[in-house]
Amino acid sequence: MARVRRTEKKRTARKPLTTSHREWLVGELRSDPALAAAYLSEAAEDGDPRVYLAALRTVAEAKGMAKLAKAAGVPRESLYRALSSSGNPRLSTLHAILKAAGLRLAVERA
């Protein structure tokens, strides 16, 4: 009895079935400016400046760090440093970043 030879299928690289939460979030923030504003507002509600800086860095990544740094008039390296986990940006830097991202800082009564 002869063996039946199976035809070999070409193996193609498969796309991963999942994406990381961060990749998904950056994509959503990139496509929806209103979501970026709401995301930063919620981060500000937390009360921890590190949470706000992390959220601002995520929004900056969604907008494109180099493009945002140029629009804000801040060197790209300084932007990365200011938004790092150990960063301590000035209010003027935060204002410039938000303005370049099409956002603004607002204060409301609690």
PDB file of N, CA and C in Angstrom:
ATOM      1  N   MET A   1       0.857  -1.167   0.000  1.00  0.00           N
ATOM      2  CA  MET A   1       0.000   0.000   0.000  1.00  0.00           C
ATOM      3  C   MET A   1       0.901   1.228   0.000  1.00  0.00           C
ATOM      4  N   ALA A   2       0.651   2.145  -0.915  1.00  0.00           N
ATOM      5  CA  ALA A   2       1.482   3.337  -1.061  1.00  0.00           C
ATOM      6  C   ALA A   2       1.064   4.394  -0.044  1.00  0.00           C
ATOM      7  N   ARG A   3       2.039   5.094   0.426  1.00  0.00           N
ATOM      8  CA  ARG A   3       1.766   6.184   1.370  1.00  0.00           C
ATOM      9  C   ARG A   3       1.268   7.400   0.619  1.00  0.00           C
ATOM     10  N   VAL A   4       0.272   8.025   1.185  1.00  0.00           N
ATOM     11  CA  VAL A   4      -0.239   9.252   0.598  1.00  0.00           C
ATOM     12  C   VAL A   4       0.609  10.389   1.125  1.00  0.00           C
ATOM     13  N   ARG A   5       1.135  11.145   0.193  1.00  0.00           N
ATOM     14  CA  ARG A   5       2.007  12.245   0.599  1.00  0.00           C
ATOM     15  C   ARG A   5       1.182  13.521   0.717  1.00  0.00           C
ATOM     16  N   ARG A   6       1.276  14.142   1.857  1.00  0.00           N
ATOM     17  CA  ARG A   6       0.550  15.395   2.073  1.00  0.00           C
ATOM     18  C   ARG A   6       1.335  16.537   1.440  1.00  0.00           C
ATOM     19  N   THR A   7       0.599  17.422   0.833  1.00  0.00           N
ATOM     20  CA  THR A   7       1.276  18.598   0.278  1.00  0.00           C
ATOM     21  C   THR A   7       1.619  19.535   1.423  1.00  0.00           C
ATOM     22  N   GLU A   8       2.785  20.061   1.343  1.00  0.00           N
ATOM     23  CA  GLU A   8       3.220  20.964   2.411  1.00  0.00           C
ATOM     24  C   GLU A   8       2.636  22.342   2.158  1.00  0.00           C
ATOM     25  N   LYS A   9       2.028  22.858   3.183  1.00  0.00           N
ATOM     26  CA  LYS A   9       1.488  24.206   3.109  1.00  0.00           C
ATOM     27  C   LYS A   9       2.597  25.181   3.476  1.00  0.00           C
ATOM     28  N   LYS A  10       2.600  26.292   2.781  1.00  0.00           N
ATOM     29  CA  LYS A  10       3.571  27.309   3.128  1.00  0.00           C
ATOM     30  C   LYS A  10       3.157  27.939   4.439  1.00  0.00           C
ATOM     31  N   ARG A  11       4.089  28.028   5.315  1.00  0.00           N
ATOM     32  CA  ARG A  11       3.803  28.654   6.604  1.00  0.00           C
ATOM     33  C   ARG A  11       4.005  30.154   6.473  1.00  0.00           C
ATOM     34  N   THR A  12       2.997  30.857   6.850  1.00  0.00           N
ATOM     35  CA  THR A  12       3.097  32.306   6.825  1.00  0.00           C
ATOM     36  C   THR A  12       3.148  32.817   8.252  1.00  0.00           C
ATOM     37  N   ALA A  13       3.789  33.927   8.409  1.00  0.00           N
ATOM     38  CA  ALA A  13       3.881  34.515   9.742  1.00  0.00           C
ATOM     39  C   ALA A  13       2.492  34.979  10.165  1.00  0.00           C
ATOM     40  N   ARG A  14       2.093  34.560  11.303  1.00  0.00           N
ATOM     41  CA  ARG A  14       0.776  34.937  11.816  1.00  0.00           C
ATOM     42  C   ARG A  14       0.879  36.209  12.624  1.00  0.00           C
ATOM     43  N   LYS A  15      -0.167  36.984  12.528  1.00  0.00           N
ATOM     44  CA  LYS A  15      -0.257  38.169  13.367  1.00  0.00           C
ATOM     45  C   LYS A  15      -0.574  37.716  14.785  1.00  0.00           C
ATOM     46  N   PRO A  16      -0.040  38.414  15.758  1.00  0.00           N
ATOM     47  CA  PRO A  16      -0.412  38.044  17.127  1.00  0.00           C
ATOM     48  C   PRO A  16      -1.914  38.270  17.323  1.00  0.00           C
ATOM     49  N   LEU A  17      -2.523  37.404  18.071  1.00  0.00           N
ATOM     50  CA  LEU A  17      -3.962  37.486  18.287  1.00  0.00           C
ATOM     51  C   LEU A  17      -4.334  38.597  19.253  1.00  0.00           C
ATOM     52  N   THR A  18      -3.371  39.035  20.005  1.00  0.00           N
ATOM     53  CA  THR A  18      -3.655  40.094  20.971  1.00  0.00           C
ATOM     54  C   THR A  18      -2.623  41.200  20.825  1.00  0.00           C
ATOM     55  N   THR A  19      -2.989  42.363  21.310  1.00  0.00           N
ATOM     56  CA  THR A  19      -2.034  43.462  21.387  1.00  0.00           C
ATOM     57  C   THR A  19      -1.918  43.858  22.847  1.00  0.00           C
ATOM     58  N   SER A  20      -0.842  44.520  23.160  1.00  0.00           N
ATOM     59  CA  SER A  20      -0.681  44.949  24.543  1.00  0.00           C
ATOM     60  C   SER A  20      -1.669  46.078  24.838  1.00  0.00           C
ATOM     61  N   HIS A  21      -1.977  46.246  26.083  1.00  0.00           N
ATOM     62  CA  HIS A  21      -2.902  47.303  26.490  1.00  0.00           C
ATOM     63  C   HIS A  21      -2.352  48.664  26.092  1.00  0.00           C
ATOM     64  N   ARG A  22      -1.061  48.857  26.275  1.00  0.00           N
ATOM     65  CA  ARG A  22      -0.434  50.146  25.954  1.00  0.00           C
ATOM     66  C   ARG A  22      -0.554  50.453  24.458  1.00  0.00           C
ATOM     67  N   GLU A  23      -0.280  49.470  23.600  1.00  0.00           N
ATOM     68  CA  GLU A  23      -0.397  49.675  22.157  1.00  0.00           C
ATOM     69  C   GLU A  23      -1.832  50.042  21.783  1.00  0.00           C
ATOM     70  N   TRP A  24      -2.773  49.339  22.381  1.00  0.00           N
ATOM     71  CA  TRP A  24      -4.186  49.623  22.105  1.00  0.00           C
ATOM     72  C   TRP A  24      -4.542  51.035  22.553  1.00  0.00           C
ATOM     73  N   LEU A  25      -4.097  51.418  23.758  1.00  0.00           N
ATOM     74  CA  LEU A  25      -4.407  52.730  24.304  1.00  0.00           C
ATOM     75  C   LEU A  25      -3.812  53.841  23.449  1.00  0.00           C
ATOM     76  N   VAL A  26      -2.568  53.689  23.052  1.00  0.00           N
ATOM     77  CA  VAL A  26      -1.927  54.698  22.199  1.00  0.00           C
ATOM     78  C   VAL A  26      -2.700  54.837  20.885  1.00  0.00           C
ATOM     79  N   GLY A  27      -3.121  53.743  20.312  1.00  0.00           N
ATOM     80  CA  GLY A  27      -3.918  53.784  19.080  1.00  0.00           C
ATOM     81  C   GLY A  27      -5.239  54.499  19.269  1.00  0.00           C
ATOM     82  N   GLU A  28      -5.900  54.227  20.376  1.00  0.00           N
ATOM     83  CA  GLU A  28      -7.181  54.890  20.652  1.00  0.00           C
ATOM     84  C   GLU A  28      -6.998  56.380  20.892  1.00  0.00           C
ATOM     85  N   LEU A  29      -5.964  56.744  21.648  1.00  0.00           N
ATOM     86  CA  LEU A  29      -5.698  58.156  21.921  1.00  0.00           C
ATOM     87  C   LEU A  29      -5.311  58.895  20.647  1.00  0.00           C
ATOM     88  N   ARG A  30      -4.613  58.212  19.746  1.00  0.00           N
ATOM     89  CA  ARG A  30      -4.208  58.819  18.478  1.00  0.00           C
ATOM     90  C   ARG A  30      -5.427  59.123  17.613  1.00  0.00           C
ATOM     91  N   SER A  31      -6.413  58.256  17.663  1.00  0.00           N
ATOM     92  CA  SER A  31      -7.565  58.418  16.772  1.00  0.00           C
ATOM     93  C   SER A  31      -8.685  59.275  17.360  1.00  0.00           C
ATOM     94  N   ASP A  32      -8.657  59.515  18.664  1.00  0.00           N
ATOM     95  CA  ASP A  32      -9.759  60.243  19.294  1.00  0.00           C
ATOM     96  C   ASP A  32      -9.241  61.323  20.249  1.00  0.00           C
ATOM     97  N   PRO A  33      -9.149  62.588  19.779  1.00  0.00           N
ATOM     98  CA  PRO A  33      -8.644  63.664  20.646  1.00  0.00           C
ATOM     99  C   PRO A  33      -9.494  63.890  21.899  1.00  0.00           C
ATOM    100  N   ALA A  34     -10.789  63.662  21.808  1.00  0.00           N
ATOM    101  CA  ALA A  34     -11.653  63.827  22.984  1.00  0.00           C
ATOM    102  C   ALA A  34     -11.305  62.795  24.055  1.00  0.00           C
ATOM    103  N   LEU A  35     -10.933  61.606  23.633  1.00  0.00           N
ATOM    104  CA  LEU A  35     -10.532  60.570  24.583  1.00  0.00           C
ATOM    105  C   LEU A  35      -9.244  60.972  25.286  1.00  0.00           C
ATOM    106  N   ALA A  36      -8.325  61.612  24.571  1.00  0.00           N
ATOM    107  CA  ALA A  36      -7.073  62.064  25.186  1.00  0.00           C
ATOM    108  C   ALA A  36      -7.360  63.080  26.289  1.00  0.00           C
ATOM    109  N   ALA A  37      -8.278  63.997  26.030  1.00  0.00           N
ATOM    110  CA  ALA A  37      -8.642  64.999  27.041  1.00  0.00           C
ATOM    111  C   ALA A  37      -9.289  64.334  28.257  1.00  0.00           C
ATOM    112  N   ALA A  38     -10.187  63.407  28.030  1.00  0.00           N
ATOM    113  CA  ALA A  38     -10.850  62.702  29.130  1.00  0.00           C
ATOM    114  C   ALA A  38      -9.849  61.849  29.919  1.00  0.00           C
ATOM    115  N   TYR A  39      -8.924  61.228  29.213  1.00  0.00           N
ATOM    116  CA  TYR A  39      -7.900  60.393  29.843  1.00  0.00           C
ATOM    117  C   TYR A  39      -7.029  61.221  30.791  1.00  0.00           C
ATOM    118  N   LEU A  40      -6.612  62.400  30.336  1.00  0.00           N
ATOM    119  CA  LEU A  40      -5.798  63.273  31.183  1.00  0.00           C
ATOM    120  C   LEU A  40      -6.603  63.837  32.352  1.00  0.00           C
ATOM    121  N   SER A  41      -7.867  64.126  32.129  1.00  0.00           N
ATOM    122  CA  SER A  41      -8.713  64.620  33.222  1.00  0.00           C
ATOM    123  C   SER A  41      -8.865  63.575  34.314  1.00  0.00           C
ATOM    124  N   GLU A  42      -9.068  62.337  33.916  1.00  0.00           N
ATOM    125  CA  GLU A  42      -9.193  61.250  34.898  1.00  0.00           C
ATOM    126  C   GLU A  42      -7.877  61.037  35.645  1.00  0.00           C
ATOM    127  N   ALA A  43      -6.759  61.161  34.938  1.00  0.00           N
ATOM    128  CA  ALA A  43      -5.460  61.005  35.594  1.00  0.00           C
ATOM    129  C   ALA A  43      -5.241  62.118  36.609  1.00  0.00           C
ATOM    130  N   ALA A  44      -5.713  63.326  36.304  1.00  0.00           N
ATOM    131  CA  ALA A  44      -5.580  64.448  37.238  1.00  0.00           C
ATOM    132  C   ALA A  44      -6.437  64.220  38.481  1.00  0.00           C
ATOM    133  N   GLU A  45      -7.564  63.553  38.314  1.00  0.00           N
ATOM    134  CA  GLU A  45      -8.454  63.262  39.453  1.00  0.00           C
ATOM    135  C   GLU A  45      -7.797  62.339  40.465  1.00  0.00           C
ATOM    136  N   ASP A  46      -6.843  61.535  40.016  1.00  0.00           N
ATOM    137  CA  ASP A  46      -6.183  60.577  40.902  1.00  0.00           C
ATOM    138  C   ASP A  46      -5.447  61.282  42.037  1.00  0.00           C
ATOM    139  N   GLY A  47      -4.892  62.462  41.761  1.00  0.00           N
ATOM    140  CA  GLY A  47      -4.191  63.212  42.798  1.00  0.00           C
ATOM    141  C   GLY A  47      -2.710  62.906  42.898  1.00  0.00           C
ATOM    142  N   ASP A  48      -2.248  61.864  42.236  1.00  0.00           N
ATOM    143  CA  ASP A  48      -0.831  61.507  42.255  1.00  0.00           C
ATOM    144  C   ASP A  48      -0.176  62.077  41.003  1.00  0.00           C
ATOM    145  N   PRO A  49       0.793  62.980  41.148  1.00  0.00           N
ATOM    146  CA  PRO A  49       1.418  63.586  39.975  1.00  0.00           C
ATOM    147  C   PRO A  49       2.095  62.570  39.054  1.00  0.00           C
ATOM    148  N   ARG A  50       2.540  61.450  39.604  1.00  0.00           N
ATOM    149  CA  ARG A  50       3.177  60.421  38.774  1.00  0.00           C
ATOM    150  C   ARG A  50       2.177  59.803  37.808  1.00  0.00           C
ATOM    151  N   VAL A  51       0.932  59.656  38.253  1.00  0.00           N
ATOM    152  CA  VAL A  51      -0.113  59.104  37.389  1.00  0.00           C
ATOM    153  C   VAL A  51      -0.393  60.072  36.242  1.00  0.00           C
ATOM    154  N   TYR A  52      -0.448  61.368  36.575  1.00  0.00           N
ATOM    155  CA  TYR A  52      -0.703  62.369  35.540  1.00  0.00           C
ATOM    156  C   TYR A  52       0.444  62.418  34.536  1.00  0.00           C
ATOM    157  N   LEU A  53       1.684  62.373  35.017  1.00  0.00           N
ATOM    158  CA  LEU A  53       2.828  62.387  34.107  1.00  0.00           C
ATOM    159  C   LEU A  53       2.849  61.169  33.201  1.00  0.00           C
ATOM    160  N   ALA A  54       2.495  60.003  33.744  1.00  0.00           N
ATOM    161  CA  ALA A  54       2.440  58.790  32.930  1.00  0.00           C
ATOM    162  C   ALA A  54       1.356  58.913  31.858  1.00  0.00           C
ATOM    163  N   ALA A  55       0.209  59.478  32.226  1.00  0.00           N
ATOM    164  CA  ALA A  55      -0.876  59.666  31.259  1.00  0.00           C
ATOM    165  C   ALA A  55      -0.466  60.679  30.193  1.00  0.00           C
ATOM    166  N   LEU A  56       0.208  61.740  30.603  1.00  0.00           N
ATOM    167  CA  LEU A  56       0.653  62.749  29.651  1.00  0.00           C
ATOM    168  C   LEU A  56       1.700  62.169  28.701  1.00  0.00           C
ATOM    169  N   ARG A  57       2.550  61.319  29.216  1.00  0.00           N
ATOM    170  CA  ARG A  57       3.541  60.667  28.349  1.00  0.00           C
ATOM    171  C   ARG A  57       2.841  59.761  27.328  1.00  0.00           C
ATOM    172  N   THR A  58       1.814  59.047  27.743  1.00  0.00           N
ATOM    173  CA  THR A  58       1.075  58.188  26.820  1.00  0.00           C
ATOM    174  C   THR A  58       0.411  59.015  25.729  1.00  0.00           C
ATOM    175  N   VAL A  59      -0.174  60.140  26.110  1.00  0.00           N
ATOM    176  CA  VAL A  59      -0.798  61.035  25.126  1.00  0.00           C
ATOM    177  C   VAL A  59       0.269  61.595  24.190  1.00  0.00           C
ATOM    178  N   ALA A  60       1.427  61.965  24.739  1.00  0.00           N
ATOM    179  CA  ALA A  60       2.515  62.487  23.919  1.00  0.00           C
ATOM    180  C   ALA A  60       3.005  61.438  22.921  1.00  0.00           C
ATOM    181  N   GLU A  61       3.096  60.191  23.354  1.00  0.00           N
ATOM    182  CA  GLU A  61       3.489  59.112  22.447  1.00  0.00           C
ATOM    183  C   GLU A  61       2.459  58.921  21.347  1.00  0.00           C
ATOM    184  N   ALA A  62       1.195  59.065  21.691  1.00  0.00           N
ATOM    185  CA  ALA A  62       0.133  58.930  20.692  1.00  0.00           C
ATOM    186  C   ALA A  62       0.217  60.050  19.660  1.00  0.00           C
ATOM    187  N   LYS A  63       0.575  61.232  20.085  1.00  0.00           N
ATOM    188  CA  LYS A  63       0.680  62.374  19.172  1.00  0.00           C
ATOM    189  C   LYS A  63       1.993  62.353  18.392  1.00  0.00           C
ATOM    190  N   GLY A  64       2.982  61.626  18.908  1.00  0.00           N
ATOM    191  CA  GLY A  64       4.306  61.582  18.292  1.00  0.00           C
ATOM    192  C   GLY A  64       5.247  62.482  19.067  1.00  0.00           C
ATOM    193  N   MET A  65       6.168  61.887  19.793  1.00  0.00           N
ATOM    194  CA  MET A  65       7.035  62.655  20.692  1.00  0.00           C
ATOM    195  C   MET A  65       7.850  63.714  19.948  1.00  0.00           C
ATOM    196  N   ALA A  66       8.458  63.358  18.839  1.00  0.00           N
ATOM    197  CA  ALA A  66       9.299  64.308  18.114  1.00  0.00           C
ATOM    198  C   ALA A  66       8.471  65.467  17.576  1.00  0.00           C
ATOM    199  N   LYS A  67       7.317  65.143  17.012  1.00  0.00           N
ATOM    200  CA  LYS A  67       6.430  66.177  16.468  1.00  0.00           C
ATOM    201  C   LYS A  67       5.920  67.092  17.578  1.00  0.00           C
ATOM    202  N   LEU A  68       5.549  66.512  18.691  1.00  0.00           N
ATOM    203  CA  LEU A  68       5.042  67.276  19.828  1.00  0.00           C
ATOM    204  C   LEU A  68       6.135  68.160  20.431  1.00  0.00           C
ATOM    205  N   ALA A  69       7.338  67.627  20.541  1.00  0.00           N
ATOM    206  CA  ALA A  69       8.454  68.404  21.093  1.00  0.00           C
ATOM    207  C   ALA A  69       8.742  69.621  20.215  1.00  0.00           C
ATOM    208  N   LYS A  70       8.723  69.409  18.922  1.00  0.00           N
ATOM    209  CA  LYS A  70       8.983  70.521  18.003  1.00  0.00           C
ATOM    210  C   LYS A  70       7.894  71.585  18.116  1.00  0.00           C
ATOM    211  N   ALA A  71       6.633  71.157  18.157  1.00  0.00           N
ATOM    212  CA  ALA A  71       5.516  72.100  18.274  1.00  0.00           C
ATOM    213  C   ALA A  71       5.531  72.837  19.613  1.00  0.00           C
ATOM    214  N   ALA A  72       6.004  72.172  20.652  1.00  0.00           N
ATOM    215  CA  ALA A  72       6.050  72.785  21.989  1.00  0.00           C
ATOM    216  C   ALA A  72       7.286  73.656  22.182  1.00  0.00           C
ATOM    217  N   GLY A  73       8.248  73.548  21.264  1.00  0.00           N
ATOM    218  CA  GLY A  73       9.480  74.325  21.413  1.00  0.00           C
ATOM    219  C   GLY A  73      10.380  73.776  22.493  1.00  0.00           C
ATOM    220  N   VAL A  74      10.300  72.476  22.707  1.00  0.00           N
ATOM    221  CA  VAL A  74      11.090  71.803  23.741  1.00  0.00           C
ATOM    222  C   VAL A  74      11.964  70.766  23.041  1.00  0.00           C
ATOM    223  N   PRO A  75      13.239  70.679  23.370  1.00  0.00           N
ATOM    224  CA  PRO A  75      14.056  69.612  22.773  1.00  0.00           C
ATOM    225  C   PRO A  75      13.466  68.231  23.099  1.00  0.00           C
ATOM    226  N   ARG A  76      13.544  67.338  22.129  1.00  0.00           N
ATOM    227  CA  ARG A  76      12.941  66.012  22.290  1.00  0.00           C
ATOM    228  C   ARG A  76      13.479  65.294  23.523  1.00  0.00           C
ATOM    229  N   GLU A  77      14.778  65.377  23.755  1.00  0.00           N
ATOM    230  CA  GLU A  77      15.380  64.718  24.926  1.00  0.00           C
ATOM    231  C   GLU A  77      14.823  65.296  26.222  1.00  0.00           C
ATOM    232  N   SER A  78      14.604  66.611  26.231  1.00  0.00           N
ATOM    233  CA  SER A  78      14.043  67.253  27.426  1.00  0.00           C
ATOM    234  C   SER A  78      12.610  66.813  27.654  1.00  0.00           C
ATOM    235  N   LEU A  79      11.883  66.605  26.574  1.00  0.00           N
ATOM    236  CA  LEU A  79      10.504  66.140  26.699  1.00  0.00           C
ATOM    237  C   LEU A  79      10.467  64.740  27.313  1.00  0.00           C
ATOM    238  N   TYR A  80      11.318  63.858  26.817  1.00  0.00           N
ATOM    239  CA  TYR A  80      11.395  62.509  27.390  1.00  0.00           C
ATOM    240  C   TYR A  80      11.761  62.577  28.869  1.00  0.00           C
ATOM    241  N   ARG A  81      12.724  63.425  29.214  1.00  0.00           N
ATOM    242  CA  ARG A  81      13.171  63.553  30.593  1.00  0.00           C
ATOM    243  C   ARG A  81      12.059  64.106  31.481  1.00  0.00           C
ATOM    244  N   ALA A  82      11.360  65.135  30.985  1.00  0.00           N
ATOM    245  CA  ALA A  82      10.296  65.764  31.778  1.00  0.00           C
ATOM    246  C   ALA A  82       9.147  64.802  32.045  1.00  0.00           C
ATOM    247  N   LEU A  83       8.859  63.928  31.078  1.00  0.00           N
ATOM    248  CA  LEU A  83       7.734  63.009  31.225  1.00  0.00           C
ATOM    249  C   LEU A  83       8.133  61.634  31.744  1.00  0.00           C
ATOM    250  N   SER A  84       9.378  61.488  32.163  1.00  0.00           N
ATOM    251  CA  SER A  84       9.815  60.206  32.710  1.00  0.00           C
ATOM    252  C   SER A  84       9.232  60.015  34.105  1.00  0.00           C
ATOM    253  N   SER A  85       9.372  58.815  34.636  1.00  0.00           N
ATOM    254  CA  SER A  85       8.824  58.527  35.964  1.00  0.00           C
ATOM    255  C   SER A  85       9.496  59.367  37.045  1.00  0.00           C
ATOM    256  N   SER A  86      10.721  59.813  36.805  1.00  0.00           N
ATOM    257  CA  SER A  86      11.403  60.659  37.781  1.00  0.00           C
ATOM    258  C   SER A  86      11.401  62.126  37.364  1.00  0.00           C
ATOM    259  N   GLY A  87      10.639  62.449  36.307  1.00  0.00           N
ATOM    260  CA  GLY A  87      10.605  63.814  35.804  1.00  0.00           C
ATOM    261  C   GLY A  87       9.868  64.760  36.743  1.00  0.00           C
ATOM    262  N   ASN A  88      10.241  66.025  36.652  1.00  0.00           N
ATOM    263  CA  ASN A  88       9.601  67.061  37.453  1.00  0.00           C
ATOM    264  C   ASN A  88       9.492  68.311  36.573  1.00  0.00           C
ATOM    265  N   PRO A  89       8.572  68.273  35.591  1.00  0.00           N
ATOM    266  CA  PRO A  89       8.509  69.373  34.632  1.00  0.00           C
ATOM    267  C   PRO A  89       7.956  70.653  35.245  1.00  0.00           C
ATOM    268  N   ARG A  90       8.375  71.758  34.662  1.00  0.00           N
ATOM    269  CA  ARG A  90       7.852  73.056  35.076  1.00  0.00           C
ATOM    270  C   ARG A  90       6.434  73.200  34.539  1.00  0.00           C
ATOM    271  N   LEU A  91       5.694  74.106  35.145  1.00  0.00           N
ATOM    272  CA  LEU A  91       4.340  74.381  34.670  1.00  0.00           C
ATOM    273  C   LEU A  91       4.378  74.900  33.237  1.00  0.00           C
ATOM    274  N   SER A  92       5.369  75.708  32.905  1.00  0.00           N
ATOM    275  CA  SER A  92       5.483  76.241  31.550  1.00  0.00           C
ATOM    276  C   SER A  92       5.708  75.116  30.537  1.00  0.00           C
ATOM    277  N   THR A  93       6.444  74.078  30.925  1.00  0.00           N
ATOM    278  CA  THR A  93       6.663  72.925  30.044  1.00  0.00           C
ATOM    279  C   THR A  93       5.369  72.146  29.854  1.00  0.00           C
ATOM    280  N   LEU A  94       4.648  71.916  30.956  1.00  0.00           N
ATOM    281  CA  LEU A  94       3.355  71.223  30.856  1.00  0.00           C
ATOM    282  C   LEU A  94       2.393  72.000  29.959  1.00  0.00           C
ATOM    283  N   HIS A  95       2.360  73.302  30.144  1.00  0.00           N
ATOM    284  CA  HIS A  95       1.481  74.142  29.341  1.00  0.00           C
ATOM    285  C   HIS A  95       1.846  74.041  27.858  1.00  0.00           C
ATOM    286  N   ALA A  96       3.131  74.094  27.541  1.00  0.00           N
ATOM    287  CA  ALA A  96       3.579  73.999  26.151  1.00  0.00           C
ATOM    288  C   ALA A  96       3.246  72.647  25.535  1.00  0.00           C
ATOM    289  N   ILE A  97       3.416  71.577  26.302  1.00  0.00           N
ATOM    290  CA  ILE A  97       3.115  70.226  25.814  1.00  0.00           C
ATOM    291  C   ILE A  97       1.624  70.094  25.529  1.00  0.00           C
ATOM    292  N   LEU A  98       0.803  70.526  26.477  1.00  0.00           N
ATOM    293  CA  LEU A  98      -0.646  70.426  26.301  1.00  0.00           C
ATOM    294  C   LEU A  98      -1.114  71.261  25.111  1.00  0.00           C
ATOM    295  N   LYS A  99      -0.574  72.464  24.972  1.00  0.00           N
ATOM    296  CA  LYS A  99      -0.959  73.333  23.867  1.00  0.00           C
ATOM    297  C   LYS A  99      -0.581  72.696  22.533  1.00  0.00           C
ATOM    298  N   ALA A 100       0.605  72.120  22.462  1.00  0.00           N
ATOM    299  CA  ALA A 100       1.062  71.462  21.241  1.00  0.00           C
ATOM    300  C   ALA A 100       0.196  70.244  20.901  1.00  0.00           C
ATOM    301  N   ALA A 101      -0.370  69.614  21.922  1.00  0.00           N
ATOM    302  CA  ALA A 101      -1.237  68.452  21.715  1.00  0.00           C
ATOM    303  C   ALA A 101      -2.681  68.849  21.426  1.00  0.00           C
ATOM    304  N   GLY A 102      -2.942  70.159  21.422  1.00  0.00           N
ATOM    305  CA  GLY A 102      -4.308  70.623  21.165  1.00  0.00           C
ATOM    306  C   GLY A 102      -5.179  70.575  22.402  1.00  0.00           C
ATOM    307  N   LEU A 103      -4.560  70.610  23.565  1.00  0.00           N
ATOM    308  CA  LEU A 103      -5.276  70.537  24.834  1.00  0.00           C
ATOM    309  C   LEU A 103      -4.913  71.759  25.682  1.00  0.00           C
ATOM    310  N   ARG A 104      -5.622  71.948  26.773  1.00  0.00           N
ATOM    311  CA  ARG A 104      -5.272  73.025  27.706  1.00  0.00           C
ATOM    312  C   ARG A 104      -5.559  72.579  29.113  1.00  0.00           C
ATOM    313  N   LEU A 105      -4.858  73.210  30.032  1.00  0.00           N
ATOM    314  CA  LEU A 105      -5.019  72.928  31.451  1.00  0.00           C
ATOM    315  C   LEU A 105      -6.149  73.794  31.971  1.00  0.00           C
ATOM    316  N   ALA A 106      -7.071  73.189  32.693  1.00  0.00           N
ATOM    317  CA  ALA A 106      -8.211  73.928  33.239  1.00  0.00           C
ATOM    318  C   ALA A 106      -8.365  73.594  34.719  1.00  0.00           C
ATOM    319  N   VAL A 107      -8.909  74.537  35.441  1.00  0.00           N
ATOM    320  CA  VAL A 107      -9.164  74.356  36.862  1.00  0.00           C
ATOM    321  C   VAL A 107     -10.658  74.518  37.078  1.00  0.00           C
ATOM    322  N   GLU A 108     -11.210  73.614  37.863  1.00  0.00           N
ATOM    323  CA  GLU A 108     -12.625  73.728  38.182  1.00  0.00           C
ATOM    324  C   GLU A 108     -12.830  73.521  39.667  1.00  0.00           C
ATOM    325  N   ARG A 109     -13.906  74.001  40.151  1.00  0.00           N
ATOM    326  CA  ARG A 109     -14.216  73.894  41.571  1.00  0.00           C
ATOM    327  C   ARG A 109     -14.563  72.457  41.940  1.00  0.00           C
ATOM    328  N   ALA A 110     -14.038  72.028  43.073  1.00  0.00           N
ATOM    329  CA  ALA A 110     -14.253  70.637  43.507  1.00  0.00           C
ATOM    330  C   ALA A 110     -15.622  70.428  44.099  1.00  0.00           C
TER     331      ALA A 110
END
